[in-house]
PDB file of N, CA and C in Angstrom:
ATOM      1  N   UNK A   1     -25.505 -23.263  34.225  1.00  0.00           N
ATOM      2  CA  UNK A   1     -24.512 -22.679  35.095  1.00  0.00           C
ATOM      3  C   UNK A   1     -23.240 -23.522  35.114  1.00  0.00           C
ATOM      4  N   UNK A   2     -23.420 -24.830  35.173  1.00  0.00           N
ATOM      5  CA  UNK A   2     -22.270 -25.725  35.215  1.00  0.00           C
ATOM      6  C   UNK A   2     -21.452 -25.618  33.929  1.00  0.00           C
ATOM      7  N   UNK A   3     -22.136 -25.473  32.782  1.00  0.00           N
ATOM      8  CA  UNK A   3     -21.417 -25.349  31.518  1.00  0.00           C
ATOM      9  C   UNK A   3     -20.584 -24.073  31.488  1.00  0.00           C
ATOM     10  N   UNK A   4     -21.093 -23.011  32.095  1.00  0.00           N
ATOM     11  CA  UNK A   4     -20.357 -21.754  32.137  1.00  0.00           C
ATOM     12  C   UNK A   4     -19.067 -21.906  32.956  1.00  0.00           C
ATOM     13  N   UNK A   5     -19.148 -22.639  34.046  1.00  0.00           N
ATOM     14  CA  UNK A   5     -17.955 -22.871  34.874  1.00  0.00           C
ATOM     15  C   UNK A   5     -16.904 -23.644  34.079  1.00  0.00           C
ATOM     16  N   UNK A   6     -17.353 -24.676  33.354  1.00  0.00           N
ATOM     17  CA  UNK A   6     -16.395 -25.460  32.564  1.00  0.00           C
ATOM     18  C   UNK A   6     -15.807 -24.638  31.421  1.00  0.00           C
ATOM     19  N   UNK A   7     -16.625 -23.755  30.849  1.00  0.00           N
ATOM     20  CA  UNK A   7     -16.127 -22.886  29.785  1.00  0.00           C
ATOM     21  C   UNK A   7     -15.068 -21.920  30.315  1.00  0.00           C
ATOM     22  N   UNK A   8     -15.298 -21.371  31.487  1.00  0.00           N
ATOM     23  CA  UNK A   8     -14.303 -20.488  32.094  1.00  0.00           C
ATOM     24  C   UNK A   8     -13.026 -21.243  32.437  1.00  0.00           C
ATOM     25  N   UNK A   9     -13.169 -22.457  32.938  1.00  0.00           N
ATOM     26  CA  UNK A   9     -11.986 -23.266  33.258  1.00  0.00           C
ATOM     27  C   UNK A   9     -11.201 -23.598  31.993  1.00  0.00           C
ATOM     28  N   UNK A  10     -11.915 -23.937  30.903  1.00  0.00           N
ATOM     29  CA  UNK A  10     -11.244 -24.257  29.641  1.00  0.00           C
ATOM     30  C   UNK A  10     -10.516 -23.040  29.086  1.00  0.00           C
ATOM     31  N   UNK A  11     -11.126 -21.875  29.210  1.00  0.00           N
ATOM     32  CA  UNK A  11     -10.453 -20.665  28.708  1.00  0.00           C
ATOM     33  C   UNK A  11      -9.207 -20.346  29.538  1.00  0.00           C
ATOM     34  N   UNK A  12      -9.285 -20.608  30.841  1.00  0.00           N
ATOM     35  CA  UNK A  12      -8.116 -20.398  31.702  1.00  0.00           C
ATOM     36  C   UNK A  12      -6.980 -21.349  31.302  1.00  0.00           C
ATOM     37  N   UNK A  13      -7.331 -22.602  31.024  1.00  0.00           N
ATOM     38  CA  UNK A  13      -6.307 -23.571  30.613  1.00  0.00           C
ATOM     39  C   UNK A  13      -5.739 -23.217  29.244  1.00  0.00           C
ATOM     40  N   UNK A  14      -6.573 -22.660  28.356  1.00  0.00           N
ATOM     41  CA  UNK A  14      -6.083 -22.276  27.028  1.00  0.00           C
ATOM     42  C   UNK A  14      -5.086 -21.123  27.134  1.00  0.00           C
ATOM     43  N   UNK A  15      -5.327 -20.208  28.060  1.00  0.00           N
ATOM     44  CA  UNK A  15      -4.415 -19.069  28.255  1.00  0.00           C
ATOM     45  C   UNK A  15      -3.156 -19.472  29.014  1.00  0.00           C
ATOM     46  N   UNK A  16      -3.292 -20.400  29.953  1.00  0.00           N
ATOM     47  CA  UNK A  16      -2.173 -20.806  30.791  1.00  0.00           C
ATOM     48  C   UNK A  16      -2.217 -22.336  30.935  1.00  0.00           C
ATOM     49  N   UNK A  17      -1.755 -23.058  29.913  1.00  0.00           N
ATOM     50  CA  UNK A  17      -1.875 -24.529  29.945  1.00  0.00           C
ATOM     51  C   UNK A  17      -1.012 -25.154  31.047  1.00  0.00           C
ATOM     52  N   UNK A  18      -1.436 -26.330  31.528  1.00  0.00           N
ATOM     53  CA  UNK A  18      -0.640 -27.012  32.551  1.00  0.00           C
ATOM     54  C   UNK A  18       0.683 -27.501  31.968  1.00  0.00           C
ATOM     55  N   UNK A  19       1.642 -27.740  32.855  1.00  0.00           N
ATOM     56  CA  UNK A  19       2.945 -28.228  32.417  1.00  0.00           C
ATOM     57  C   UNK A  19       2.819 -29.651  31.867  1.00  0.00           C
ATOM     58  N   UNK A  20       3.729 -30.016  31.012  1.00  0.00           N
ATOM     59  CA  UNK A  20       3.724 -31.348  30.403  1.00  0.00           C
ATOM     60  C   UNK A  20       3.840 -32.423  31.485  1.00  0.00           C
ATOM     61  N   UNK A  21       4.608 -32.136  32.519  1.00  0.00           N
ATOM     62  CA  UNK A  21       4.777 -33.103  33.619  1.00  0.00           C
ATOM     63  C   UNK A  21       3.440 -33.373  34.317  1.00  0.00           C
ATOM     64  N   UNK A  22       2.649 -32.320  34.517  1.00  0.00           N
ATOM     65  CA  UNK A  22       1.348 -32.472  35.158  1.00  0.00           C
ATOM     66  C   UNK A  22       0.413 -33.302  34.288  1.00  0.00           C
ATOM     67  N   UNK A  23       0.410 -33.030  32.988  1.00  0.00           N
ATOM     68  CA  UNK A  23      -0.448 -33.785  32.066  1.00  0.00           C
ATOM     69  C   UNK A  23      -0.041 -35.251  32.058  1.00  0.00           C
ATOM     70  N   UNK A  24       1.255 -35.531  32.035  1.00  0.00           N
ATOM     71  CA  UNK A  24       1.732 -36.919  32.049  1.00  0.00           C
ATOM     72  C   UNK A  24       1.314 -37.626  33.325  1.00  0.00           C
ATOM     73  N   UNK A  25       1.364 -36.929  34.461  1.00  0.00           N
ATOM     74  CA  UNK A  25       0.971 -37.536  35.729  1.00  0.00           C
ATOM     75  C   UNK A  25      -0.520 -37.870  35.734  1.00  0.00           C
ATOM     76  N   UNK A  26      -1.345 -36.973  35.230  1.00  0.00           N
ATOM     77  CA  UNK A  26      -2.785 -37.222  35.190  1.00  0.00           C
ATOM     78  C   UNK A  26      -3.103 -38.387  34.268  1.00  0.00           C
ATOM     79  N   UNK A  27      -2.455 -38.436  33.113  1.00  0.00           N
ATOM     80  CA  UNK A  27      -2.667 -39.545  32.176  1.00  0.00           C
ATOM     81  C   UNK A  27      -2.210 -40.864  32.805  1.00  0.00           C
ATOM     82  N   UNK A  28      -1.106 -40.851  33.541  1.00  0.00           N
ATOM     83  CA  UNK A  28      -0.617 -42.067  34.195  1.00  0.00           C
ATOM     84  C   UNK A  28      -1.594 -42.546  35.270  1.00  0.00           C
ATOM     85  N   UNK A  29      -2.155 -41.621  36.035  1.00  0.00           N
ATOM     86  CA  UNK A  29      -3.118 -42.007  37.075  1.00  0.00           C
ATOM     87  C   UNK A  29      -4.367 -42.616  36.449  1.00  0.00           C
ATOM     88  N   UNK A  30      -4.849 -42.022  35.360  1.00  0.00           N
ATOM     89  CA  UNK A  30      -6.017 -42.573  34.671  1.00  0.00           C
ATOM     90  C   UNK A  30      -5.696 -43.949  34.097  1.00  0.00           C
ATOM     91  N   UNK A  31      -4.490 -44.121  33.536  1.00  0.00           N
ATOM     92  CA  UNK A  31      -4.093 -45.414  32.971  1.00  0.00           C
ATOM     93  C   UNK A  31      -4.018 -46.486  34.060  1.00  0.00           C
ATOM     94  N   UNK A  32      -3.491 -46.148  35.231  1.00  0.00           N
ATOM     95  CA  UNK A  32      -3.438 -47.105  36.344  1.00  0.00           C
ATOM     96  C   UNK A  32      -4.849 -47.520  36.751  1.00  0.00           C
ATOM     97  N   UNK A  33      -5.762 -46.571  36.769  1.00  0.00           N
ATOM     98  CA  UNK A  33      -7.155 -46.886  37.091  1.00  0.00           C
ATOM     99  C   UNK A  33      -7.765 -47.848  36.087  1.00  0.00           C
ATOM    100  N   UNK A  34      -7.490 -47.631  34.800  1.00  0.00           N
ATOM    101  CA  UNK A  34      -8.005 -48.540  33.775  1.00  0.00           C
ATOM    102  C   UNK A  34      -7.382 -49.929  33.894  1.00  0.00           C
ATOM    103  N   UNK A  35      -6.104 -49.992  34.225  1.00  0.00           N
ATOM    104  CA  UNK A  35      -5.443 -51.293  34.393  1.00  0.00           C
ATOM    105  C   UNK A  35      -6.062 -52.056  35.569  1.00  0.00           C
ATOM    106  N   UNK A  36      -6.284 -51.373  36.673  1.00  0.00           N
ATOM    107  CA  UNK A  36      -6.900 -52.022  37.841  1.00  0.00           C
ATOM    108  C   UNK A  36      -8.309 -52.490  37.504  1.00  0.00           C
ATOM    109  N   UNK A  37      -9.085 -51.644  36.820  1.00  0.00           N
ATOM    110  CA  UNK A  37     -10.446 -52.037  36.437  1.00  0.00           C
ATOM    111  C   UNK A  37     -10.423 -53.233  35.483  1.00  0.00           C
ATOM    112  N   UNK A  38      -9.466 -53.251  34.571  1.00  0.00           N
ATOM    113  CA  UNK A  38      -9.354 -54.377  33.642  1.00  0.00           C
ATOM    114  C   UNK A  38      -8.980 -55.669  34.346  1.00  0.00           C
ATOM    115  N   UNK A  39      -8.039 -55.585  35.285  1.00  0.00           N
ATOM    116  CA  UNK A  39      -7.667 -56.777  36.044  1.00  0.00           C
ATOM    117  C   UNK A  39      -8.848 -57.305  36.865  1.00  0.00           C
ATOM    118  N   UNK A  40      -9.606 -56.395  37.444  1.00  0.00           N
ATOM    119  CA  UNK A  40     -10.768 -56.798  38.217  1.00  0.00           C
ATOM    120  C   UNK A  40     -11.811 -57.463  37.316  1.00  0.00           C
ATOM    121  N   UNK A  41     -12.027 -56.897  36.138  1.00  0.00           N
ATOM    122  CA  UNK A  41     -13.026 -57.451  35.207  1.00  0.00           C
ATOM    123  C   UNK A  41     -12.606 -58.824  34.694  1.00  0.00           C
ATOM    124  N   UNK A  42     -11.313 -59.029  34.482  1.00  0.00           N
ATOM    125  CA  UNK A  42     -10.806 -60.318  34.011  1.00  0.00           C
ATOM    126  C   UNK A  42     -10.599 -61.314  35.149  1.00  0.00           C
ATOM    127  N   UNK A  43     -10.933 -60.889  36.356  1.00  0.00           N
ATOM    128  CA  UNK A  43     -10.789 -61.700  37.565  1.00  0.00           C
ATOM    129  C   UNK A  43      -9.343 -62.116  37.819  1.00  0.00           C
ATOM    130  N   UNK A  44      -8.413 -61.216  37.525  1.00  0.00           N
ATOM    131  CA  UNK A  44      -7.002 -61.451  37.793  1.00  0.00           C
ATOM    132  C   UNK A  44      -6.534 -60.684  39.026  1.00  0.00           C
ATOM    133  N   UNK A  45      -7.429 -59.934  39.632  1.00  0.00           N
ATOM    134  CA  UNK A  45      -7.115 -59.166  40.834  1.00  0.00           C
ATOM    135  C   UNK A  45      -7.008 -60.131  42.001  1.00  0.00           C
ATOM    136  N   UNK A  46      -6.021 -59.992  42.879  1.00  0.00           N
ATOM    137  CA  UNK A  46      -5.857 -60.952  43.981  1.00  0.00           C
ATOM    138  C   UNK A  46      -7.037 -60.907  44.956  1.00  0.00           C
ATOM    139  N   UNK A  47      -7.304 -62.065  45.559  1.00  0.00           N
ATOM    140  CA  UNK A  47      -8.436 -62.169  46.481  1.00  0.00           C
ATOM    141  C   UNK A  47      -8.274 -61.271  47.701  1.00  0.00           C
ATOM    142  N   UNK A  48      -7.055 -61.071  48.172  1.00  0.00           N
ATOM    143  CA  UNK A  48      -6.867 -60.253  49.363  1.00  0.00           C
ATOM    144  C   UNK A  48      -7.210 -58.787  49.117  1.00  0.00           C
ATOM    145  N   UNK A  49      -7.248 -58.368  47.863  1.00  0.00           N
ATOM    146  CA  UNK A  49      -7.537 -56.974  47.559  1.00  0.00           C
ATOM    147  C   UNK A  49      -9.001 -56.729  47.207  1.00  0.00           C
ATOM    148  N   UNK A  50      -9.795 -57.785  47.219  1.00  0.00           N
ATOM    149  CA  UNK A  50     -11.209 -57.644  46.886  1.00  0.00           C
ATOM    150  C   UNK A  50     -12.037 -57.345  48.123  1.00  0.00           C
ATOM    151  N   UNK A  51     -13.170 -56.715  47.878  1.00  0.00           N
ATOM    152  CA  UNK A  51     -14.097 -56.395  48.947  1.00  0.00           C
ATOM    153  C   UNK A  51     -14.883 -57.648  49.307  1.00  0.00           C
ATOM    154  N   UNK A  52     -14.961 -57.938  50.600  1.00  0.00           N
ATOM    155  CA  UNK A  52     -15.751 -59.063  51.051  1.00  0.00           C
ATOM    156  C   UNK A  52     -17.218 -58.704  50.879  1.00  0.00           C
ATOM    157  N   UNK A  53     -17.911 -59.384  49.961  1.00  0.00           N
ATOM    158  CA  UNK A  53     -19.283 -59.021  49.637  1.00  0.00           C
ATOM    159  C   UNK A  53     -20.246 -59.276  50.787  1.00  0.00           C
ATOM    160  N   UNK A  54     -19.898 -60.158  51.707  1.00  0.00           N
ATOM    161  CA  UNK A  54     -20.769 -60.410  52.851  1.00  0.00           C
ATOM    162  C   UNK A  54     -20.820 -59.203  53.774  1.00  0.00           C
ATOM    163  N   UNK A  55     -19.732 -58.459  53.844  1.00  0.00           N
ATOM    164  CA  UNK A  55     -19.658 -57.325  54.760  1.00  0.00           C
ATOM    165  C   UNK A  55     -19.804 -55.988  54.037  1.00  0.00           C
ATOM    166  N   UNK A  56     -20.019 -56.014  52.722  1.00  0.00           N
ATOM    167  CA  UNK A  56     -20.128 -54.785  51.959  1.00  0.00           C
ATOM    168  C   UNK A  56     -21.437 -54.067  52.295  1.00  0.00           C
ATOM    169  N   UNK A  57     -21.395 -52.767  52.428  1.00  0.00           N
ATOM    170  CA  UNK A  57     -22.643 -52.037  52.688  1.00  0.00           C
ATOM    171  C   UNK A  57     -23.540 -52.093  51.445  1.00  0.00           C
ATOM    172  N   UNK A  58     -24.798 -52.266  51.689  1.00  0.00           N
ATOM    173  CA  UNK A  58     -25.752 -52.349  50.583  1.00  0.00           C
ATOM    174  C   UNK A  58     -26.239 -50.957  50.224  1.00  0.00           C
ATOM    175  N   UNK A  59     -26.362 -50.735  48.934  1.00  0.00           N
ATOM    176  CA  UNK A  59     -26.868 -49.439  48.484  1.00  0.00           C
ATOM    177  C   UNK A  59     -28.387 -49.427  48.625  1.00  0.00           C
ATOM    178  N   UNK A  60     -28.907 -48.404  49.217  1.00  0.00           N
ATOM    179  CA  UNK A  60     -30.355 -48.315  49.377  1.00  0.00           C
ATOM    180  C   UNK A  60     -30.957 -47.691  48.136  1.00  0.00           C
ATOM    181  N   UNK A  61     -32.031 -48.277  47.680  1.00  0.00           N
ATOM    182  CA  UNK A  61     -32.687 -47.766  46.471  1.00  0.00           C
ATOM    183  C   UNK A  61     -34.026 -47.219  46.790  1.00  0.00           C
TER     184      UNK A  61
END
């Protein structure tokens, strides 16, 4: 069922593609996310912007 929804969405986009400005904005948002993730992985992210692990909620398994 989920694949059918994505197929219908793809056909809608093929018939009426988004504007170039919209595509550029989405790509820019994804790029900013990758930059933030990269800075965090390289430990270059500032300490004030990090989550305090002592107060972080624990995921229940």
